[in-house]
Amino acid sequence: YGVLVFFLVSGYIIPASLERGGDVRAFWISRIFRL
């Protein structure tokens, strides 16, 4: 249950984060420093 909630949140927000910035390099910089 907890895992599925996490995956739904990731699916909701990750593509939006990439599309909002519009730059894959900035996206990967933020992801690497996040994780």
ModelCIF file with pLDDT and N, C-alpha, C, O atoms, coordinates in Angstrom:
data_MODEL
#
_entry.id   MODEL 
#
_entity.id                         1 
_entity.type                       polymer 
_entity.pdbx_number_of_molecules   1 
#
_entity_poly.entity_id                      1 
_entity_poly.type                           'polypeptide(L)' 
_entity_poly.nstd_linkage                   no 
_entity_poly.nstd_monomer                   no 
_entity_poly.pdbx_seq_one_letter_code       YGVLVFFLVSGYIIPASLERGGDVRAFWISRIFRL 
_entity_poly.pdbx_seq_one_letter_code_can   YGVLVFFLVSGYIIPASLERGGDVRAFWISRIFRL 
_entity_poly.pdbx_strand_id                 A 
#
loop_
_entity_poly_seq.entity_id 
_entity_poly_seq.num 
_entity_poly_seq.mon_id 
_entity_poly_seq.hetero 
1 1  TYR n 
1 2  GLY n 
1 3  VAL n 
1 4  LEU n 
1 5  VAL n 
1 6  PHE n 
1 7  PHE n 
1 8  LEU n 
1 9  VAL n 
1 10 SER n 
1 11 GLY n 
1 12 TYR n 
1 13 ILE n 
1 14 ILE n 
1 15 PRO n 
1 16 ALA n 
1 17 SER n 
1 18 LEU n 
1 19 GLU n 
1 20 ARG n 
1 21 GLY n 
1 22 GLY n 
1 23 ASP n 
1 24 VAL n 
1 25 ARG n 
1 26 ALA n 
1 27 PHE n 
1 28 TRP n 
1 29 ILE n 
1 30 SER n 
1 31 ARG n 
1 32 ILE n 
1 33 PHE n 
1 34 ARG n 
1 35 LEU n 
#
_struct_asym.id          A 
_struct_asym.entity_id   1 
#
loop_
_ma_qa_metric.id 
_ma_qa_metric.mode 
_ma_qa_metric.name 
_ma_qa_metric.software_group_id 
_ma_qa_metric.type 
1 global pLDDT . pLDDT 
2 local  pLDDT . pLDDT 
#
_ma_qa_metric_global.metric_id      1 
_ma_qa_metric_global.metric_value   92.91 
_ma_qa_metric_global.model_id       1 
_ma_qa_metric_global.ordinal_id     1 
#
loop_
_ma_qa_metric_local.label_asym_id 
_ma_qa_metric_local.label_comp_id 
_ma_qa_metric_local.label_seq_id 
_ma_qa_metric_local.metric_id 
_ma_qa_metric_local.metric_value 
_ma_qa_metric_local.model_id 
_ma_qa_metric_local.ordinal_id 
A TYR 1  2 95.00 1 1  
A GLY 2  2 96.00 1 2  
A VAL 3  2 95.00 1 3  
A LEU 4  2 95.00 1 4  
A VAL 5  2 96.00 1 5  
A PHE 6  2 95.00 1 6  
A PHE 7  2 96.00 1 7  
A LEU 8  2 96.00 1 8  
A VAL 9  2 96.00 1 9  
A SER 10 2 95.00 1 10 
A GLY 11 2 95.00 1 11 
A TYR 12 2 95.00 1 12 
A ILE 13 2 94.00 1 13 
A ILE 14 2 93.00 1 14 
A PRO 15 2 91.00 1 15 
A ALA 16 2 89.00 1 16 
A SER 17 2 90.00 1 17 
A LEU 18 2 91.00 1 18 
A GLU 19 2 89.00 1 19 
A ARG 20 2 87.00 1 20 
A GLY 21 2 85.00 1 21 
A GLY 22 2 86.00 1 22 
A ASP 23 2 89.00 1 23 
A VAL 24 2 92.00 1 24 
A ARG 25 2 91.00 1 25 
A ALA 26 2 91.00 1 26 
A PHE 27 2 93.00 1 27 
A TRP 28 2 94.00 1 28 
A ILE 29 2 93.00 1 29 
A SER 30 2 93.00 1 30 
A ARG 31 2 94.00 1 31 
A ILE 32 2 95.00 1 32 
A PHE 33 2 96.00 1 33 
A ARG 34 2 95.00 1 34 
A LEU 35 2 96.00 1 35 
#
loop_
_atom_site.group_PDB 
_atom_site.id 
_atom_site.type_symbol 
_atom_site.label_atom_id 
_atom_site.label_alt_id 
_atom_site.label_comp_id 
_atom_site.label_asym_id 
_atom_site.label_entity_id 
_atom_site.label_seq_id 
_atom_site.pdbx_PDB_ins_code 
_atom_site.Cartn_x 
_atom_site.Cartn_y 
_atom_site.Cartn_z 
_atom_site.occupancy 
_atom_site.B_iso_or_equiv 
_atom_site.pdbx_formal_charge 
_atom_site.auth_seq_id 
_atom_site.auth_comp_id 
_atom_site.auth_asym_id 
_atom_site.auth_atom_id 
_atom_site.pdbx_PDB_model_num 
ATOM 1   N N  . TYR A 1 1  ? 0.838  -1.206 0.000   1.00 95.00 ? 1  TYR A N  1 
ATOM 2   C CA . TYR A 1 1  ? 0.000  0.000  0.000   1.00 95.00 ? 1  TYR A CA 1 
ATOM 3   C C  . TYR A 1 1  ? 0.872  1.254  0.000   1.00 95.00 ? 1  TYR A C  1 
ATOM 4   O O  . TYR A 1 1  ? 0.659  2.157  -0.809  1.00 95.00 ? 1  TYR A O  1 
ATOM 5   N N  . GLY A 1 2  ? 1.852  1.315  0.904   1.00 96.00 ? 2  GLY A N  1 
ATOM 6   C CA . GLY A 1 2  ? 2.738  2.466  0.958   1.00 96.00 ? 2  GLY A CA 1 
ATOM 7   C C  . GLY A 1 2  ? 3.533  2.647  -0.314  1.00 96.00 ? 2  GLY A C  1 
ATOM 8   O O  . GLY A 1 2  ? 3.718  3.770  -0.783  1.00 96.00 ? 2  GLY A O  1 
ATOM 9   N N  . VAL A 1 3  ? 4.007  1.537  -0.878  1.00 95.00 ? 3  VAL A N  1 
ATOM 10  C CA . VAL A 1 3  ? 4.785  1.597  -2.115  1.00 95.00 ? 3  VAL A CA 1 
ATOM 11  C C  . VAL A 1 3  ? 3.936  2.131  -3.270  1.00 95.00 ? 3  VAL A C  1 
ATOM 12  O O  . VAL A 1 3  ? 4.398  2.970  -4.043  1.00 95.00 ? 3  VAL A O  1 
ATOM 13  N N  . LEU A 1 4  ? 2.705  1.651  -3.386  1.00 95.00 ? 4  LEU A N  1 
ATOM 14  C CA . LEU A 1 4  ? 1.832  2.112  -4.473  1.00 95.00 ? 4  LEU A CA 1 
ATOM 15  C C  . LEU A 1 4  ? 1.528  3.601  -4.342  1.00 95.00 ? 4  LEU A C  1 
ATOM 16  O O  . LEU A 1 4  ? 1.461  4.309  -5.347  1.00 95.00 ? 4  LEU A O  1 
ATOM 17  N N  . VAL A 1 5  ? 1.345  4.081  -3.118  1.00 96.00 ? 5  VAL A N  1 
ATOM 18  C CA . VAL A 1 5  ? 1.130  5.514  -2.913  1.00 96.00 ? 5  VAL A CA 1 
ATOM 19  C C  . VAL A 1 5  ? 2.346  6.292  -3.398  1.00 96.00 ? 5  VAL A C  1 
ATOM 20  O O  . VAL A 1 5  ? 2.200  7.308  -4.078  1.00 96.00 ? 5  VAL A O  1 
ATOM 21  N N  . PHE A 1 6  ? 3.545  5.824  -3.055  1.00 95.00 ? 6  PHE A N  1 
ATOM 22  C CA . PHE A 1 6  ? 4.766  6.483  -3.504  1.00 95.00 ? 6  PHE A CA 1 
ATOM 23  C C  . PHE A 1 6  ? 4.864  6.508  -5.027  1.00 95.00 ? 6  PHE A C  1 
ATOM 24  O O  . PHE A 1 6  ? 5.203  7.538  -5.610  1.00 95.00 ? 6  PHE A O  1 
ATOM 25  N N  . PHE A 1 7  ? 4.570  5.389  -5.668  1.00 96.00 ? 7  PHE A N  1 
ATOM 26  C CA . PHE A 1 7  ? 4.684  5.323  -7.121  1.00 96.00 ? 7  PHE A CA 1 
ATOM 27  C C  . PHE A 1 7  ? 3.663  6.229  -7.805  1.00 96.00 ? 7  PHE A C  1 
ATOM 28  O O  . PHE A 1 7  ? 3.963  6.831  -8.836  1.00 96.00 ? 7  PHE A O  1 
ATOM 29  N N  . LEU A 1 8  ? 2.466  6.330  -7.244  1.00 96.00 ? 8  LEU A N  1 
ATOM 30  C CA . LEU A 1 8  ? 1.480  7.258  -7.802  1.00 96.00 ? 8  LEU A CA 1 
ATOM 31  C C  . LEU A 1 8  ? 1.965  8.701  -7.698  1.00 96.00 ? 8  LEU A C  1 
ATOM 32  O O  . LEU A 1 8  ? 1.799  9.486  -8.632  1.00 96.00 ? 8  LEU A O  1 
ATOM 33  N N  . VAL A 1 9  ? 2.567  9.048  -6.559  1.00 96.00 ? 9  VAL A N  1 
ATOM 34  C CA . VAL A 1 9  ? 3.094  10.404 -6.379  1.00 96.00 ? 9  VAL A CA 1 
ATOM 35  C C  . VAL A 1 9  ? 4.223  10.669 -7.378  1.00 96.00 ? 9  VAL A C  1 
ATOM 36  O O  . VAL A 1 9  ? 4.268  11.736 -7.989  1.00 96.00 ? 9  VAL A O  1 
ATOM 37  N N  . SER A 1 10 ? 5.128  9.710  -7.548  1.00 95.00 ? 10 SER A N  1 
ATOM 38  C CA . SER A 1 10 ? 6.222  9.880  -8.507  1.00 95.00 ? 10 SER A CA 1 
ATOM 39  C C  . SER A 1 10 ? 5.686  10.051 -9.917  1.00 95.00 ? 10 SER A C  1 
ATOM 40  O O  . SER A 1 10 ? 6.133  10.927 -10.657 1.00 95.00 ? 10 SER A O  1 
ATOM 41  N N  . GLY A 1 11 ? 4.728  9.213  -10.286 1.00 95.00 ? 11 GLY A N  1 
ATOM 42  C CA . GLY A 1 11 ? 4.152  9.337  -11.621 1.00 95.00 ? 11 GLY A CA 1 
ATOM 43  C C  . GLY A 1 11 ? 3.455  10.657 -11.833 1.00 95.00 ? 11 GLY A C  1 
ATOM 44  O O  . GLY A 1 11 ? 3.474  11.206 -12.935 1.00 95.00 ? 11 GLY A O  1 
ATOM 45  N N  . TYR A 1 12 ? 2.843  11.169 -10.791 1.00 95.00 ? 12 TYR A N  1 
ATOM 46  C CA . TYR A 1 12 ? 2.146  12.451 -10.877 1.00 95.00 ? 12 TYR A CA 1 
ATOM 47  C C  . TYR A 1 12 ? 3.124  13.599 -11.084 1.00 95.00 ? 12 TYR A C  1 
ATOM 48  O O  . TYR A 1 12 ? 2.853  14.507 -11.869 1.00 95.00 ? 12 TYR A O  1 
ATOM 49  N N  . ILE A 1 13 ? 4.262  13.569 -10.388 1.00 94.00 ? 13 ILE A N  1 
ATOM 50  C CA . ILE A 1 13 ? 5.098  14.762 -10.305 1.00 94.00 ? 13 ILE A CA 1 
ATOM 51  C C  . ILE A 1 13 ? 6.337  14.746 -11.192 1.00 94.00 ? 13 ILE A C  1 
ATOM 52  O O  . ILE A 1 13 ? 6.776  15.810 -11.630 1.00 94.00 ? 13 ILE A O  1 
ATOM 53  N N  . ILE A 1 14 ? 6.917  13.581 -11.473 1.00 93.00 ? 14 ILE A N  1 
ATOM 54  C CA . ILE A 1 14 ? 8.196  13.553 -12.188 1.00 93.00 ? 14 ILE A CA 1 
ATOM 55  C C  . ILE A 1 14 ? 8.079  14.090 -13.613 1.00 93.00 ? 14 ILE A C  1 
ATOM 56  O O  . ILE A 1 14 ? 8.857  14.971 -13.980 1.00 93.00 ? 14 ILE A O  1 
ATOM 57  N N  . PRO A 1 15 ? 7.146  13.603 -14.433 1.00 91.00 ? 15 PRO A N  1 
ATOM 58  C CA . PRO A 1 15 ? 7.036  14.190 -15.780 1.00 91.00 ? 15 PRO A CA 1 
ATOM 59  C C  . PRO A 1 15 ? 6.730  15.681 -15.739 1.00 91.00 ? 15 PRO A C  1 
ATOM 60  O O  . PRO A 1 15 ? 7.222  16.440 -16.574 1.00 91.00 ? 15 PRO A O  1 
ATOM 61  N N  . ALA A 1 16 ? 5.913  16.106 -14.766 1.00 89.00 ? 16 ALA A N  1 
ATOM 62  C CA . ALA A 1 16 ? 5.591  17.529 -14.644 1.00 89.00 ? 16 ALA A CA 1 
ATOM 63  C C  . ALA A 1 16 ? 6.843  18.332 -14.325 1.00 89.00 ? 16 ALA A C  1 
ATOM 64  O O  . ALA A 1 16 ? 7.013  19.442 -14.830 1.00 89.00 ? 16 ALA A O  1 
ATOM 65  N N  . SER A 1 17 ? 7.725  17.780 -13.486 1.00 90.00 ? 17 SER A N  1 
ATOM 66  C CA . SER A 1 17 ? 8.961  18.467 -13.144 1.00 90.00 ? 17 SER A CA 1 
ATOM 67  C C  . SER A 1 17 ? 9.847  18.649 -14.364 1.00 90.00 ? 17 SER A C  1 
ATOM 68  O O  . SER A 1 17 ? 10.419 19.720 -14.567 1.00 90.00 ? 17 SER A O  1 
ATOM 69  N N  . LEU A 1 18 ? 9.960  17.619 -15.168 1.00 91.00 ? 18 LEU A N  1 
ATOM 70  C CA . LEU A 1 18 ? 10.763 17.712 -16.386 1.00 91.00 ? 18 LEU A CA 1 
ATOM 71  C C  . LEU A 1 18 ? 10.163 18.688 -17.381 1.00 91.00 ? 18 LEU A C  1 
ATOM 72  O O  . LEU A 1 18 ? 10.874 19.509 -17.959 1.00 91.00 ? 18 LEU A O  1 
ATOM 73  N N  . GLU A 1 19 ? 8.860  18.600 -17.579 1.00 89.00 ? 19 GLU A N  1 
ATOM 74  C CA . GLU A 1 19 ? 8.208  19.457 -18.579 1.00 89.00 ? 19 GLU A CA 1 
ATOM 75  C C  . GLU A 1 19 ? 8.169  20.910 -18.132 1.00 89.00 ? 19 GLU A C  1 
ATOM 76  O O  . GLU A 1 19 ? 8.226  21.820 -18.960 1.00 89.00 ? 19 GLU A O  1 
ATOM 77  N N  . ARG A 1 20 ? 8.072  21.130 -16.827 1.00 87.00 ? 20 ARG A N  1 
ATOM 78  C CA . ARG A 1 20 ? 8.034  22.504 -16.334 1.00 87.00 ? 20 ARG A CA 1 
ATOM 79  C C  . ARG A 1 20 ? 9.340  23.227 -16.644 1.00 87.00 ? 20 ARG A C  1 
ATOM 80  O O  . ARG A 1 20 ? 9.319  24.374 -17.091 1.00 87.00 ? 20 ARG A O  1 
ATOM 81  N N  . GLY A 1 21 ? 10.462 22.578 -16.416 1.00 85.00 ? 21 GLY A N  1 
ATOM 82  C CA . GLY A 1 21 ? 11.750 23.183 -16.726 1.00 85.00 ? 21 GLY A CA 1 
ATOM 83  C C  . GLY A 1 21 ? 12.085 23.114 -18.202 1.00 85.00 ? 21 GLY A C  1 
ATOM 84  O O  . GLY A 1 21 ? 12.707 24.021 -18.754 1.00 85.00 ? 21 GLY A O  1 
ATOM 85  N N  . GLY A 1 22 ? 11.660 22.015 -18.845 1.00 86.00 ? 22 GLY A N  1 
ATOM 86  C CA . GLY A 1 22 ? 11.897 21.868 -20.275 1.00 86.00 ? 22 GLY A CA 1 
ATOM 87  C C  . GLY A 1 22 ? 13.328 21.564 -20.642 1.00 86.00 ? 22 GLY A C  1 
ATOM 88  O O  . GLY A 1 22 ? 13.703 21.713 -21.805 1.00 86.00 ? 22 GLY A O  1 
ATOM 89  N N  . ASP A 1 23 ? 14.151 21.138 -19.680 1.00 89.00 ? 23 ASP A N  1 
ATOM 90  C CA . ASP A 1 23 ? 15.557 20.862 -19.961 1.00 89.00 ? 23 ASP A CA 1 
ATOM 91  C C  . ASP A 1 23 ? 15.960 19.589 -19.223 1.00 89.00 ? 23 ASP A C  1 
ATOM 92  O O  . ASP A 1 23 ? 15.886 19.523 -17.996 1.00 89.00 ? 23 ASP A O  1 
ATOM 93  N N  . VAL A 1 24 ? 16.382 18.592 -19.972 1.00 92.00 ? 24 VAL A N  1 
ATOM 94  C CA . VAL A 1 24 ? 16.696 17.305 -19.348 1.00 92.00 ? 24 VAL A CA 1 
ATOM 95  C C  . VAL A 1 24 ? 17.944 17.385 -18.483 1.00 92.00 ? 24 VAL A C  1 
ATOM 96  O O  . VAL A 1 24 ? 18.057 16.653 -17.500 1.00 92.00 ? 24 VAL A O  1 
ATOM 97  N N  . ARG A 1 25 ? 18.890 18.264 -18.832 1.00 91.00 ? 25 ARG A N  1 
ATOM 98  C CA . ARG A 1 25 ? 20.097 18.352 -18.022 1.00 91.00 ? 25 ARG A CA 1 
ATOM 99  C C  . ARG A 1 25 ? 19.773 18.929 -16.644 1.00 91.00 ? 25 ARG A C  1 
ATOM 100 O O  . ARG A 1 25 ? 20.263 18.423 -15.635 1.00 91.00 ? 25 ARG A O  1 
ATOM 101 N N  . ALA A 1 26 ? 18.957 19.976 -16.589 1.00 91.00 ? 26 ALA A N  1 
ATOM 102 C CA . ALA A 1 26 ? 18.543 20.530 -15.303 1.00 91.00 ? 26 ALA A CA 1 
ATOM 103 C C  . ALA A 1 26 ? 17.745 19.506 -14.503 1.00 91.00 ? 26 ALA A C  1 
ATOM 104 O O  . ALA A 1 26 ? 17.890 19.414 -13.284 1.00 91.00 ? 26 ALA A O  1 
ATOM 105 N N  . PHE A 1 27 ? 16.907 18.740 -15.187 1.00 93.00 ? 27 PHE A N  1 
ATOM 106 C CA . PHE A 1 27 ? 16.118 17.702 -14.529 1.00 93.00 ? 27 PHE A CA 1 
ATOM 107 C C  . PHE A 1 27 ? 17.030 16.685 -13.852 1.00 93.00 ? 27 PHE A C  1 
ATOM 108 O O  . PHE A 1 27 ? 16.816 16.348 -12.687 1.00 93.00 ? 27 PHE A O  1 
ATOM 109 N N  . TRP A 1 28 ? 18.046 16.189 -14.566 1.00 94.00 ? 28 TRP A N  1 
ATOM 110 C CA . TRP A 1 28 ? 18.922 15.181 -14.000 1.00 94.00 ? 28 TRP A CA 1 
ATOM 111 C C  . TRP A 1 28 ? 19.806 15.739 -12.893 1.00 94.00 ? 28 TRP A C  1 
ATOM 112 O O  . TRP A 1 28 ? 20.131 15.027 -11.943 1.00 94.00 ? 28 TRP A O  1 
ATOM 113 N N  . ILE A 1 29 ? 20.195 16.995 -13.003 1.00 93.00 ? 29 ILE A N  1 
ATOM 114 C CA . ILE A 1 29 ? 20.949 17.618 -11.908 1.00 93.00 ? 29 ILE A CA 1 
ATOM 115 C C  . ILE A 1 29 ? 20.116 17.599 -10.626 1.00 93.00 ? 29 ILE A C  1 
ATOM 116 O O  . ILE A 1 29 ? 20.609 17.212 -9.567  1.00 93.00 ? 29 ILE A O  1 
ATOM 117 N N  . SER A 1 30 ? 18.864 18.014 -10.724 1.00 93.00 ? 30 SER A N  1 
ATOM 118 C CA . SER A 1 30 ? 18.016 18.052 -9.528  1.00 93.00 ? 30 SER A CA 1 
ATOM 119 C C  . SER A 1 30 ? 17.750 16.655 -8.985  1.00 93.00 ? 30 SER A C  1 
ATOM 120 O O  . SER A 1 30 ? 17.727 16.459 -7.770  1.00 93.00 ? 30 SER A O  1 
ATOM 121 N N  . ARG A 1 31 ? 17.547 15.677 -9.873  1.00 94.00 ? 31 ARG A N  1 
ATOM 122 C CA . ARG A 1 31 ? 17.283 14.308 -9.413  1.00 94.00 ? 31 ARG A CA 1 
ATOM 123 C C  . ARG A 1 31 ? 18.494 13.706 -8.711  1.00 94.00 ? 31 ARG A C  1 
ATOM 124 O O  . ARG A 1 31 ? 18.350 13.070 -7.666  1.00 94.00 ? 31 ARG A O  1 
ATOM 125 N N  . ILE A 1 32 ? 19.675 13.897 -9.268  1.00 95.00 ? 32 ILE A N  1 
ATOM 126 C CA . ILE A 1 32 ? 20.884 13.326 -8.674  1.00 95.00 ? 32 ILE A CA 1 
ATOM 127 C C  . ILE A 1 32 ? 21.124 13.906 -7.287  1.00 95.00 ? 32 ILE A C  1 
ATOM 128 O O  . ILE A 1 32 ? 21.437 13.170 -6.352  1.00 95.00 ? 32 ILE A O  1 
ATOM 129 N N  . PHE A 1 33 ? 20.980 15.221 -7.148  1.00 96.00 ? 33 PHE A N  1 
ATOM 130 C CA . PHE A 1 33 ? 21.196 15.838 -5.846  1.00 96.00 ? 33 PHE A CA 1 
ATOM 131 C C  . PHE A 1 33 ? 20.050 15.531 -4.882  1.00 96.00 ? 33 PHE A C  1 
ATOM 132 O O  . PHE A 1 33 ? 20.212 15.664 -3.669  1.00 96.00 ? 33 PHE A O  1 
ATOM 133 N N  . ARG A 1 34 ? 18.917 15.128 -5.401  1.00 95.00 ? 34 ARG A N  1 
ATOM 134 C CA . ARG A 1 34 ? 17.795 14.754 -4.544  1.00 95.00 ? 34 ARG A CA 1 
ATOM 135 C C  . ARG A 1 34 ? 17.959 13.354 -3.982  1.00 95.00 ? 34 ARG A C  1 
ATOM 136 O O  . ARG A 1 34 ? 17.680 13.124 -2.805  1.00 95.00 ? 34 ARG A O  1 
ATOM 137 N N  . LEU A 1 35 ? 18.402 12.423 -4.796  1.00 96.00 ? 35 LEU A N  1 
ATOM 138 C CA . LEU A 1 35 ? 18.413 11.021 -4.402  1.00 96.00 ? 35 LEU A CA 1 
ATOM 139 C C  . LEU A 1 35 ? 19.750 10.531 -3.862  1.00 96.00 ? 35 LEU A C  1 
ATOM 140 O O  . LEU A 1 35 ? 19.877 9.362  -3.498  1.00 96.00 ? 35 LEU A O  1 
#
